[in-house]
Protein backbone atom coordinates (compact mmCIF):
# COMPACT_ATOMS: atom_id res chain seq x y z
CA MET A 1 91.89 68.97 140.31
CA ARG A 2 90.76 70.97 137.16
CA GLY A 3 92.45 70.32 134.07
CA VAL A 4 93.37 66.59 134.76
CA VAL A 5 92.02 63.36 133.61
CA ARG A 6 89.69 61.84 136.28
CA HIS A 7 88.93 58.20 137.01
CA LYS A 8 85.84 56.75 138.53
CA PRO A 9 86.12 53.74 140.84
CA GLY A 10 85.53 50.09 139.50
CA LYS A 11 83.61 47.50 141.50
CA ALA A 12 86.22 46.66 143.89
CA GLY A 13 87.60 50.22 144.55
CA LEU A 14 84.01 51.53 145.23
CA GLU A 15 83.43 48.79 147.90
CA PHE A 16 86.78 49.71 149.46
CA PHE A 17 85.86 53.32 149.69
CA ARG A 18 82.34 52.79 150.89
CA THR A 19 83.92 50.40 153.71
CA LEU A 20 85.93 53.38 154.96
CA ALA A 21 83.07 55.97 154.72
CA ARG A 22 80.71 53.61 156.67
CA ARG A 23 83.37 53.04 159.43
CA ALA A 24 83.61 56.89 159.72
CA LEU A 25 79.99 57.95 159.35
CA PRO A 26 77.51 55.03 159.69
CA GLY A 27 74.20 55.86 157.93
CA TRP A 28 75.91 57.84 155.25
CA SER A 29 76.41 56.43 151.62
CA VAL A 30 78.81 57.28 148.97
CA GLU A 31 76.90 59.27 146.24
CA SER A 32 79.91 60.07 143.88
CA LEU A 33 83.45 59.44 143.77
CA ARG A 34 86.13 60.36 141.28
CA PHE A 35 89.83 60.68 141.53
CA SER A 36 93.23 61.57 139.92
CA ASP A 37 96.86 61.56 140.98
CA ARG A 38 96.17 64.81 142.48
CA GLY A 39 93.40 63.87 144.79
CA VAL A 40 89.94 62.19 145.54
CA GLU A 41 86.74 64.04 145.22
CA PHE A 42 83.64 62.43 146.86
CA SER A 43 80.19 63.07 148.07
CA LEU A 44 78.13 61.49 151.01
CA ALA A 45 74.48 61.36 151.04
CA ARG A 46 71.79 60.85 153.88
CA ALA A 47 68.25 61.53 152.75
CA SER A 48 68.38 65.12 151.56
CA GLU A 49 71.73 65.95 152.91
CA ARG A 50 75.05 66.16 151.23
CA LEU A 51 78.71 66.11 152.36
CA SER A 52 81.22 66.87 149.88
CA TYR A 53 84.95 66.74 150.32
CA GLU A 54 88.25 66.58 148.36
CA LEU A 55 91.14 64.46 149.64
CA VAL A 56 94.61 65.71 148.59
CA ARG A 57 97.96 64.64 149.01
CA ARG A 58 99.86 65.75 152.14
CA GLY A 59 103.51 64.76 152.34
CA SER A 60 104.20 61.04 152.39
CA GLY A 61 101.49 60.04 154.81
CA GLY A 62 97.67 60.37 154.65
CA GLY A 63 95.80 62.86 152.72
CA GLU A 64 94.30 66.20 153.93
CA LEU A 65 90.59 66.44 153.79
CA ARG A 66 88.89 69.73 152.44
CA PRO A 67 85.16 70.52 152.18
CA CYS A 68 84.07 71.48 148.76
CA ASP A 69 80.59 72.46 147.52
CA ALA A 70 78.01 69.91 146.66
CA ALA A 71 76.37 70.07 143.20
CA SER A 72 72.77 69.37 144.49
CA GLY A 73 71.10 68.66 147.72
CA ARG A 74 71.49 70.65 151.02
CA GLN A 75 75.13 71.11 151.87
CA VAL A 76 75.88 70.11 155.53
CA ARG A 77 78.64 71.96 157.30
CA ALA A 78 79.52 69.56 160.11
CA PRO A 79 82.98 69.91 161.66
CA SER A 80 82.29 66.50 163.57
CA HIS A 81 81.62 64.67 160.32
CA GLY A 82 84.71 66.12 158.89
CA GLN A 83 86.91 64.91 161.94
CA ALA A 84 85.55 61.50 161.84
CA LEU A 85 86.34 60.98 158.11
CA SER A 86 89.83 62.73 158.55
CA SER A 87 90.66 60.10 161.17
CA VAL A 88 89.71 57.20 159.03
CA LEU A 89 90.95 58.27 155.69
CA GLY A 90 94.00 59.93 157.21
CA ALA A 91 95.00 56.73 158.67
CA VAL A 92 95.17 55.07 155.07
CA PRO A 93 98.35 56.36 153.29
CA PHE A 94 97.39 58.35 150.19
CA ASP A 95 99.49 56.45 147.83
CA LYS A 96 97.89 53.10 149.11
CA LEU A 97 94.38 54.52 148.75
CA LEU A 98 95.19 55.63 145.11
CA ARG A 99 96.45 52.17 144.35
CA ARG A 100 93.36 50.46 145.58
CA LEU A 101 91.35 52.78 143.68
CA LYS A 102 93.27 52.54 140.29
CA ALA A 103 93.50 48.78 140.49
CA ASP A 104 90.12 48.59 138.74
CA GLY A 105 89.36 52.28 137.96
CA LEU A 106 87.39 53.44 135.02
CA LEU A 107 89.15 55.93 132.91
CA TYR A 108 87.08 59.04 131.91
CA SER A 109 87.94 62.16 130.37
CA ASP A 110 87.62 65.25 132.48
CA PRO A 111 84.83 67.49 131.15
CA GLN A 112 86.34 70.39 133.07
CA GLY A 113 89.74 69.91 131.79
CA PRO A 114 91.55 71.80 128.64
CA GLN A 115 90.47 70.23 125.47
CA PRO A 116 90.55 71.58 121.79
CA PRO A 117 87.44 73.70 120.94
CA SER A 118 84.55 71.76 119.49
CA ARG A 119 83.74 71.99 115.69
CA LEU A 120 80.74 74.23 116.47
CA ASP A 121 82.91 76.89 118.27
CA ARG A 122 85.96 76.45 116.04
CA PHE A 123 84.31 76.45 112.60
CA HIS A 124 80.47 77.04 112.47
CA ARG A 125 80.66 80.05 114.83
CA THR A 126 83.81 81.53 113.36
CA ALA A 127 82.81 84.52 111.02
CA ASP A 128 86.12 84.85 109.24
CA HIS A 129 88.39 81.82 108.71
CA THR A 130 91.26 83.86 107.02
CA ALA A 131 92.88 84.23 110.44
CA ASP A 132 92.89 80.50 110.84
CA TRP A 133 94.80 79.45 107.59
CA TRP A 134 96.80 76.88 109.48
CA LYS A 135 93.88 74.91 111.10
CA PHE A 136 93.31 71.40 109.80
CA PHE A 137 92.00 69.89 112.98
CA PHE A 138 88.33 70.45 113.68
CA PRO A 139 87.22 67.74 115.95
CA ARG A 140 83.65 66.76 116.74
CA LYS A 141 82.51 65.82 120.10
CA PRO A 142 80.80 62.40 119.59
CA PHE A 143 77.68 62.07 121.59
CA LEU A 144 77.07 58.42 120.65
CA GLU A 145 74.24 58.14 122.98
CA GLU A 146 72.28 59.77 120.39
CA ALA A 147 72.81 56.86 117.93
CA VAL A 148 71.69 54.02 120.19
CA VAL A 149 69.52 51.15 119.00
CA LEU A 150 66.94 50.71 121.61
CA GLY A 151 65.91 47.11 120.53
CA LYS A 152 63.70 45.46 117.88
CA GLY A 153 60.20 47.03 117.30
CA VAL A 154 60.77 50.64 118.06
CA ALA A 155 58.60 53.63 117.18
CA VAL A 156 60.02 57.15 116.74
CA VAL A 157 57.67 60.10 117.48
CA SER A 158 59.06 63.44 116.26
CA HIS A 159 57.50 66.40 117.93
CA ALA A 160 58.39 69.57 116.35
CA SER A 161 57.11 72.37 114.21
CA ARG A 162 57.57 72.54 110.42
CA GLU A 163 59.72 75.57 110.97
CA CYS A 164 62.27 73.67 113.07
CA ARG A 165 62.26 70.66 110.63
CA PHE A 166 63.08 72.67 107.55
CA ASN A 167 65.56 74.66 109.20
CA SER A 168 67.69 71.56 109.88
CA VAL A 169 69.08 70.55 106.46
CA GLN A 170 70.98 67.34 106.32
CA ALA A 171 73.04 66.45 103.27
CA SER A 172 73.10 62.71 102.95
CA VAL A 173 75.38 62.52 99.95
CA ALA A 174 78.79 62.10 101.06
CA SER A 175 80.41 64.24 98.55
CA LEU A 176 78.34 67.22 99.63
CA ARG A 177 79.27 66.89 103.14
CA LEU A 178 81.80 69.61 104.53
CA PHE A 179 83.64 67.42 107.02
CA ALA A 180 85.14 63.83 106.25
CA ASP A 181 83.74 62.38 109.41
CA ASP A 182 80.13 63.49 108.90
CA ARG A 183 78.05 60.48 109.28
CA TYR A 184 74.28 59.83 109.84
CA PRO A 185 72.76 56.57 111.32
CA PRO A 186 71.61 54.09 108.90
CA SER A 187 67.96 53.90 108.30
CA ARG A 188 66.17 50.88 109.80
CA ARG A 189 63.11 49.28 108.25
CA ASP A 190 62.09 47.73 111.70
CA ILE A 191 61.33 51.40 112.92
CA LEU A 192 58.08 53.20 112.57
CA TYR A 193 58.46 56.86 112.25
CA HIS A 194 55.56 59.28 113.32
CA ASP A 195 55.42 63.06 112.98
CA THR A 196 53.11 65.41 114.74
CA ASP A 197 54.00 67.82 111.82
CA LEU A 198 52.77 70.90 113.78
CA GLY A 199 51.77 73.98 111.83
CA GLU A 200 51.47 77.56 112.91
CA ARG A 201 47.66 76.99 113.61
CA GLU A 202 48.19 74.36 116.15
CA VAL A 203 50.95 76.31 118.14
CA ALA A 204 48.74 79.46 117.98
CA GLN A 205 45.75 77.70 119.43
CA GLY A 206 47.79 75.77 122.11
CA ARG A 207 46.90 72.32 120.67
CA THR A 208 50.53 71.12 120.54
CA LEU A 209 50.10 68.71 123.51
CA GLU A 210 46.89 67.52 122.14
CA ALA A 211 48.67 66.56 118.86
CA LEU A 212 51.37 64.79 120.62
CA ALA A 213 48.98 62.67 122.78
CA SER A 214 47.20 61.53 119.71
CA LYS A 215 50.30 60.69 117.90
CA MET A 216 51.82 58.94 120.91
CA ARG A 217 48.54 56.81 121.20
CA GLU A 218 48.76 55.87 117.53
CA ALA A 219 52.50 54.98 117.91
CA ALA A 220 51.66 52.45 120.85
CA SER A 221 48.84 50.70 118.86
CA ARG A 222 50.54 50.38 115.59
CA GLY A 223 52.81 47.33 115.62
CA ARG A 224 52.91 47.21 119.31
CA PRO A 225 56.51 48.42 119.73
CA ALA A 226 58.56 47.54 122.80
CA PHE A 227 60.03 51.17 122.98
CA ILE A 228 58.73 54.47 121.80
CA HIS A 229 61.55 57.08 121.27
CA LEU A 230 60.07 60.66 121.64
CA MET A 231 62.19 63.29 120.15
CA THR A 232 61.36 67.02 120.72
CA THR A 233 62.97 70.24 119.96
CA CYS A 234 63.07 73.25 122.08
CA LEU A 235 59.13 73.74 121.48
CA PRO A 236 57.74 72.31 124.57
CA GLU A 237 59.95 74.93 126.79
CA ILE A 238 58.76 77.66 124.36
CA VAL A 239 55.19 77.15 124.59
CA GLY A 240 55.23 75.74 128.19
CA ASP A 241 54.34 72.08 127.44
CA ASP A 242 55.12 69.24 129.60
CA PRO A 243 54.85 65.78 127.80
CA ARG A 244 55.69 63.96 131.09
CA PRO A 245 52.01 63.37 132.05
CA ILE A 246 51.34 61.87 128.56
CA ILE A 247 54.41 59.59 128.95
CA LYS A 248 53.34 58.35 132.42
CA ARG A 249 49.79 57.47 131.15
CA LEU A 250 50.92 55.98 128.11
CA GLU A 251 53.50 53.65 129.98
CA LYS A 252 50.77 52.68 132.44
CA GLY A 253 48.16 51.83 130.02
CA SER A 254 50.03 50.21 127.26
CA ARG A 255 53.27 48.90 128.99
CA VAL A 256 55.39 50.36 126.30
CA ARG A 257 58.55 52.02 127.55
CA VAL A 258 58.88 55.71 126.58
CA VAL A 259 62.24 57.28 126.11
CA TRP A 260 62.17 61.07 125.79
CA THR A 261 65.05 63.14 124.42
CA SER A 262 65.06 66.69 123.76
CA LYS A 263 67.17 69.40 122.14
CA THR A 264 67.15 71.14 125.56
CA ARG A 265 67.71 68.03 127.90
CA ASP A 266 70.65 65.84 128.62
CA SER A 267 70.17 62.76 126.53
CA GLY A 268 72.54 60.77 128.52
CA SER A 269 70.27 60.99 131.49
CA SER A 270 67.36 59.48 129.44
CA PHE A 271 69.25 56.59 128.11
CA ASN A 272 71.01 55.92 131.58
CA ASP A 273 67.52 55.54 132.99
CA VAL A 274 66.68 53.03 130.14
CA ILE A 275 69.75 50.96 130.89
CA ASP A 276 68.83 50.87 134.39
CA TRP A 277 65.29 49.64 133.45
CA ILE A 278 66.58 46.93 131.01
CA LEU A 279 69.19 45.68 133.75
CA ARG A 280 66.34 45.45 136.40
CA ARG A 281 64.55 43.08 134.05
CA ILE A 282 67.43 40.81 133.61
CA ARG A 283 67.54 37.79 135.95
CA PHE A 284 71.12 37.94 137.01
CA SER A 285 72.31 34.57 138.63
CA SER A 286 73.50 34.54 142.08
CA LEU A 287 76.75 32.57 140.84
CA ARG A 288 78.23 34.60 138.12
CA ASP A 289 80.53 33.06 135.33
CA PRO A 290 84.01 34.85 135.74
CA LYS A 291 84.83 34.00 132.08
CA ALA A 292 81.75 35.46 130.59
CA VAL A 293 81.59 39.22 129.57
CA ILE A 294 79.54 41.84 127.88
CA LEU A 295 81.49 43.60 125.20
CA ALA A 296 80.49 47.24 125.14
CA GLY A 297 81.11 50.03 122.69
CA ALA A 298 82.68 47.98 120.00
CA PRO A 299 81.92 48.58 116.31
CA LEU A 300 80.22 45.66 114.38
CA ALA A 301 83.28 45.23 112.26
CA ALA A 302 85.63 44.85 115.26
CA ARG A 303 83.39 42.61 117.56
CA GLY A 304 84.74 39.35 116.08
CA GLU A 305 88.24 40.08 116.61
CA LEU A 306 87.90 41.70 120.05
CA GLY A 307 85.99 38.67 120.98
CA ARG A 308 88.84 36.48 119.74
CA LEU A 309 91.37 38.62 121.75
CA LEU A 310 89.52 38.23 124.96
CA GLY A 311 89.26 34.53 124.16
CA SER A 312 92.92 34.34 124.43
CA LEU A 313 92.53 35.37 127.93
CA GLY A 314 90.01 32.50 128.53
CA LEU A 315 87.00 34.90 128.36
CA ARG A 316 83.88 34.34 126.43
CA VAL A 317 81.60 37.17 125.16
CA ALA A 318 77.99 36.58 126.21
CA GLY A 319 76.59 39.62 124.63
CA SER A 320 77.35 43.01 122.93
CA MET A 321 75.95 46.50 124.03
CA PHE A 322 76.30 49.96 122.66
CA PRO A 323 75.06 51.09 120.33
CA ASP A 324 72.48 48.11 121.06
CA LEU A 325 70.89 48.62 124.46
CA ASP A 326 68.32 45.83 124.95
CA ILE A 327 70.44 42.66 125.89
CA ARG A 328 67.50 40.96 127.61
CA ALA A 329 67.14 38.43 125.00
CA MET A 330 70.88 37.56 124.52
CA PRO A 331 71.66 34.03 126.06
CA GLY A 332 74.22 34.06 128.91
CA VAL A 333 73.94 37.83 129.76
CA GLY A 334 72.31 36.88 133.18
CA SER A 335 75.55 34.99 134.13
CA ALA A 336 77.97 37.47 132.76
CA GLY A 337 80.54 38.60 135.50
CA ALA A 338 81.96 41.82 133.87
CA VAL A 339 81.60 44.46 131.32
CA VAL A 340 84.49 45.26 128.88
CA TRP A 341 84.63 48.44 126.99
CA GLY A 342 86.15 48.08 123.44
CA ASP A 343 86.08 51.93 122.39
CA PRO A 344 84.54 54.01 125.16
CA VAL A 345 85.14 57.40 123.37
CA GLY A 346 81.87 59.03 122.77
CA TRP A 347 80.00 57.08 125.38
CA GLU A 348 81.09 59.47 128.38
CA LYS A 349 77.63 60.26 129.14
CA ILE A 350 76.69 56.67 129.78
CA GLY A 351 77.85 55.65 133.36
CA ASP A 352 78.91 52.29 134.53
CA GLU A 353 77.16 52.64 138.07
CA HIS A 354 74.21 50.49 136.52
CA PHE A 355 76.53 47.56 135.89
CA ILE A 356 78.29 47.70 139.22
CA ARG A 357 75.06 47.84 141.23
CA ASN A 358 74.23 44.72 139.36
CA GLY A 359 77.23 42.80 140.56
CA LEU A 360 79.31 43.31 137.24
CA SER A 361 82.87 44.38 137.21
CA VAL A 362 83.68 46.91 134.48
CA VAL A 363 86.82 47.40 132.50
CA ARG A 364 87.01 50.91 130.92
CA TYR A 365 90.18 51.86 129.26
CA HIS A 366 92.04 53.39 126.29
CA PRO A 367 90.66 51.85 123.05
CA PRO A 368 92.99 49.15 121.51
CA PHE A 369 94.26 50.97 118.29
CA GLY A 370 97.54 49.80 117.23
CA ILE A 371 99.44 46.52 118.36
CA GLU A 372 100.92 48.26 121.35
CA GLY A 373 97.44 49.69 122.19
CA THR A 374 95.81 46.23 121.89
CA LYS A 375 98.54 44.91 124.12
CA ALA A 376 97.69 47.52 126.83
CA TRP A 377 94.00 47.02 126.48
CA LEU A 378 94.58 43.22 127.05
CA ALA A 379 96.82 43.74 129.96
CA ARG A 380 94.14 46.26 131.53
CA VAL A 381 91.40 43.44 131.05
CA ALA A 382 93.70 40.81 132.62
CA ALA A 383 94.69 43.10 135.50
CA VAL A 384 91.21 44.16 136.46
CA LEU A 385 89.50 40.65 136.26
CA GLY A 386 92.51 38.90 137.75
CA LEU A 387 93.48 36.83 134.71
CA ASP A 388 96.92 35.53 133.71
CA PRO A 389 98.40 38.22 131.32
CA ARG A 390 101.11 35.76 129.89
CA PRO A 391 99.10 34.87 126.71
CA ILE A 392 98.72 38.74 125.69
CA GLY A 393 101.98 38.78 123.69
CA HIS A 394 101.06 35.47 121.82
CA ALA A 395 97.45 36.75 121.22
CA ALA A 396 98.71 40.11 119.53
CA ALA A 397 101.26 38.28 117.59
CA SER A 398 99.51 35.19 116.22
CA HIS A 399 97.41 36.98 113.40
CA ALA A 400 98.06 35.53 109.91
CA GLY A 401 98.07 39.13 108.71
CA LEU A 402 101.18 39.97 110.68
CA GLU A 403 103.24 38.15 108.17
CA SER A 404 102.50 41.02 105.69
CA LEU A 405 103.07 43.61 108.25
CA LEU A 406 106.81 43.76 107.40
CA ALA A 407 106.11 44.47 103.79
CA LEU A 408 103.52 47.07 104.80
CA ARG A 409 105.89 48.84 107.13
CA LYS A 410 108.63 48.75 104.27
CA ALA A 411 106.19 50.66 101.92
CA ALA A 412 104.98 52.98 104.51
CA SER A 413 108.60 53.99 105.36
CA LYS A 414 108.84 55.62 102.23
CA ARG A 415 105.82 57.76 103.04
CA THR A 416 105.52 60.97 104.97
CA VAL A 417 102.36 61.80 106.74
CA ALA A 418 101.87 65.29 108.16
CA LEU A 419 99.94 66.42 111.28
CA VAL A 420 99.36 69.99 111.22
CA GLY A 421 98.11 72.49 113.92
CA ASP A 422 99.22 74.43 117.13
CA ARG A 423 100.18 73.01 120.35
CA ALA A 424 96.78 72.03 121.49
CA ASP A 425 95.93 70.34 118.07
CA LEU A 426 99.15 68.44 118.26
CA GLU A 427 98.43 67.38 121.82
CA ALA A 428 95.17 66.01 120.63
CA MET A 429 96.67 64.16 117.76
CA VAL A 430 99.90 62.65 119.34
CA LEU A 431 99.20 62.23 122.97
CA ARG A 432 96.87 59.42 123.95
CA GLY A 433 93.59 60.46 125.45
CA ARG A 434 91.04 63.11 124.52
CA PRO A 435 89.44 63.62 122.01
CA MET A 436 90.20 60.34 120.21
CA GLY A 437 91.34 58.18 122.94
CA PHE A 438 94.51 57.08 121.18
CA SER A 439 97.65 58.77 119.65
CA VAL A 440 97.40 59.18 115.92
CA GLY A 441 101.07 60.13 115.71
CA SER A 442 102.16 56.94 117.54
CA VAL A 443 99.80 54.55 115.63
CA LEU A 444 101.06 55.85 112.24
CA ALA A 445 104.85 55.52 113.55
CA GLU A 446 103.75 52.00 114.44
CA MET A 447 102.79 51.33 110.85
CA GLY A 448 106.11 52.56 109.66
CA PHE A 449 105.15 55.91 108.27
CA ARG A 450 107.39 58.93 108.65
CA VAL A 451 105.34 61.22 110.79
CA ARG A 452 106.23 65.00 110.38
CA CYS A 453 104.28 67.38 112.93
CA LEU A 454 104.11 70.68 111.56
CA VAL A 455 103.57 73.07 114.42
CA CYS A 456 102.42 76.68 114.02
CA ASP A 457 104.63 78.77 116.16
CA ALA A 458 108.40 77.92 116.26
CA GLY A 459 108.77 78.32 119.94
CA SER A 460 106.36 75.40 120.80
CA ALA A 461 108.19 72.94 118.28
CA GLU A 462 111.31 73.29 120.34
CA GLY A 463 109.43 72.51 123.62
CA TRP A 464 107.85 69.60 122.11
CA ARG A 465 111.19 67.95 121.07
CA ARG A 466 112.22 68.06 124.77
CA GLY A 467 108.81 67.37 126.24
CA PRO A 468 106.00 65.23 124.83
CA ALA A 469 107.98 64.08 121.73
CA ALA A 470 110.46 62.30 123.85
CA SER A 471 107.80 59.75 124.87
CA LEU A 472 106.71 59.02 121.16
CA SER A 473 107.81 56.42 118.89
CA ALA A 474 110.81 56.78 116.69
CA GLY A 475 110.02 58.49 113.45
CA VAL A 476 108.03 61.30 114.67
CA GLU A 477 109.56 64.73 114.12
CA PHE A 478 108.46 68.28 114.79
CA VAL A 479 108.76 71.07 112.49
CA PRO A 480 107.84 74.78 113.01
CA PHE A 481 106.16 77.28 110.59
CA LYS A 482 105.14 80.89 111.08
CA THR A 483 103.35 81.88 107.75
CA ALA A 484 101.21 80.52 105.09
CA GLY A 485 103.98 80.31 102.73
CA GLU A 486 106.05 78.34 104.97
CA LEU A 487 103.46 75.83 105.62
CA ASP A 488 102.78 75.72 101.98
CA GLY A 489 106.36 74.71 101.19
CA LEU A 490 106.46 72.18 103.90
CA LEU A 491 103.45 70.44 102.44
CA ALA A 492 104.96 70.48 99.11
CA GLY A 493 108.17 69.05 100.28
CA GLY A 494 107.50 65.49 100.29
CA VAL A 495 104.36 65.13 102.37
CA ASP A 496 102.18 62.27 100.90
CA LEU A 497 99.25 62.20 103.32
CA ALA A 498 97.82 64.78 105.96
CA PHE A 499 95.42 64.72 108.74
CA THR A 500 92.42 67.01 107.98
CA HIS A 501 88.76 66.83 109.06
CA LEU A 502 87.72 68.74 106.01
CA ASN A 503 86.18 66.52 103.07
CA PHE A 504 87.82 68.70 100.41
CA ASP A 505 90.81 70.85 101.54
CA PRO A 506 92.27 73.39 98.77
CA ARG A 507 95.70 73.55 100.65
CA LEU A 508 96.01 69.83 100.27
CA ALA A 509 94.57 69.51 96.60
CA ARG A 510 96.93 72.03 95.26
CA HIS A 511 99.91 69.47 96.12
CA GLY A 512 97.95 66.38 95.22
CA ILE A 513 97.84 65.26 98.95
CA ALA A 514 95.06 62.99 100.17
CA GLY A 515 93.52 63.70 103.57
CA PHE A 516 92.40 61.34 106.41
CA CYS A 517 90.96 61.67 109.83
CA GLU A 518 90.41 59.50 112.93
CA ASN A 519 87.53 57.52 111.22
CA ALA A 520 90.20 55.78 108.99
CA PHE A 521 91.41 53.84 111.96
CA GLU A 522 90.11 50.47 113.19
CA LEU A 523 90.39 48.60 116.41
CA GLY A 524 92.52 45.56 117.22
CA VAL A 525 95.58 44.14 115.17
CA GLU A 526 93.52 43.07 112.14
CA GLY A 527 91.95 46.54 112.15
CA PHE A 528 95.46 48.01 112.32
CA ILE A 529 96.72 46.05 109.24
CA ARG A 530 93.49 47.06 107.29
CA THR A 531 94.15 50.79 108.26
CA ALA A 532 97.77 50.60 107.23
CA ARG A 533 96.74 49.28 103.72
CA ARG A 534 93.93 51.92 103.40
CA LEU A 535 96.51 54.81 104.24
CA LEU A 536 98.90 53.36 101.83
CA ARG A 537 96.37 53.20 98.97
CA ARG A 538 95.54 56.86 99.70
CA CYS A 539 99.32 57.80 99.41
CA GLU A 540 99.31 56.00 96.18
CA THR A 541 96.42 58.10 94.62
CA ARG A 542 98.96 61.26 94.60
CA PRO A 543 99.80 62.49 91.15
CA PHE A 544 103.33 62.04 89.99
CA PRO A 545 105.76 64.92 90.41
CA ARG A 546 105.49 65.87 86.69
CA HIS A 547 101.65 66.05 86.85
CA ARG A 548 101.44 68.18 90.07
CA ARG A 549 102.42 71.29 88.06
CA HIS A 550 99.14 70.93 86.38
CA LEU A 551 97.12 71.31 89.66
CA ALA A 552 95.17 74.41 90.46
CA PRO A 553 97.28 76.95 92.51
């Protein structure tokens, strides 16, 4: 199953598979489960024992069970267990099993599958960029769990040496940033920052833990915060320090929750623990309101519209989560029946198992970019939560801004937008999915722009015309190029806007072409219209042809 998009089960699908597993092996519980069109991978646990299997398609009947290695725990090789599972799972037609799992399945990107190289590997670790003259696409993996808001009353303790601190320069002025989507979390006045400020003497004398304990006690006593966020570099591992005893004593004595994230630890696991801790302290009602939902992963600017779109299905937003974590004080959260993700891209390390354990259904799907993407998102919400999908078309077409959409499309039809790269880059930009969660090419074409995909390597462009291009909207064309001169000529030949992650791109500047990247797009129908206007304004900034000859070569 390597190289495919995997899904995780929703509430109903997980319970269905648990029923089958309990029937085959009483006393064993489902520890993990993920699936795709090719097969189902799952692990069963009993105390420290693990059973890991893969169920793959076998003809038109049931699936074939194959053992695979467990990621953790003691792997058990028991033929009798495999036979019992085969008899139960094999009796269920494979297609029927997939349909039950997909009915409310959660869409995740496969971390093992093919994906474009990260910005760290593709740009910062590349010694000579002259061989990459055609690259405009430098995606950054968004680890949004690093930008969560723990709640009101937070103290941040930074535990690092001065050498670590002064070697991490961050340019806060937008014009000095190398990449257009570089952003830093906004400063908050309700956060108290504490710094251990370790010098060479403290490190050499082995007094780093002593300094940390003192600063943690100070943070807990000043302002009485609800959370302390301990941030460490690789220093504890280098000098052999373990902050966990300090954290345990502080939590026991002050009742302050400490969240520890480190440069060398997976921050996702730390925040998953906090989410689990928060949900355990919410008094969920025994009778849930099926119309009340928690909206997750929605930017502040899009929450109002997404709430209205969900309202067209008869739903009510009881609270919002991510980047905000502490939802305990939000009224109505305890009666919510589901969690609906707005834009889950970047939140892959945050699992949904906590919500399912607390009786919440979860909708995790492609983010609602564009009108068609918004309709697909609403249709998925309706399908998972068992709602009437008929209001979807009216909800997406009832915005007052749609009256001006015809004029916007007419203006956009006179503009050409270029997407430049090799086959892997174009896959990321025109096919829905990783790394952005939506198709830039399709949304641009839906706005009315002429989309020209400039493909490095002539052979791949012809293959795209017959393959992925066939499923895209009208107005998307593929043009091959082989040399820097050919690319320069294509850019000069009527391109008004181009996708690039670079804040200033001399290849575009010499032709007066403005650049944009995925951060120009907004969720929902209103966001779609605002995005179209924004991109048209950028097109209008291009110098007139008689002025372009004065641009630097």
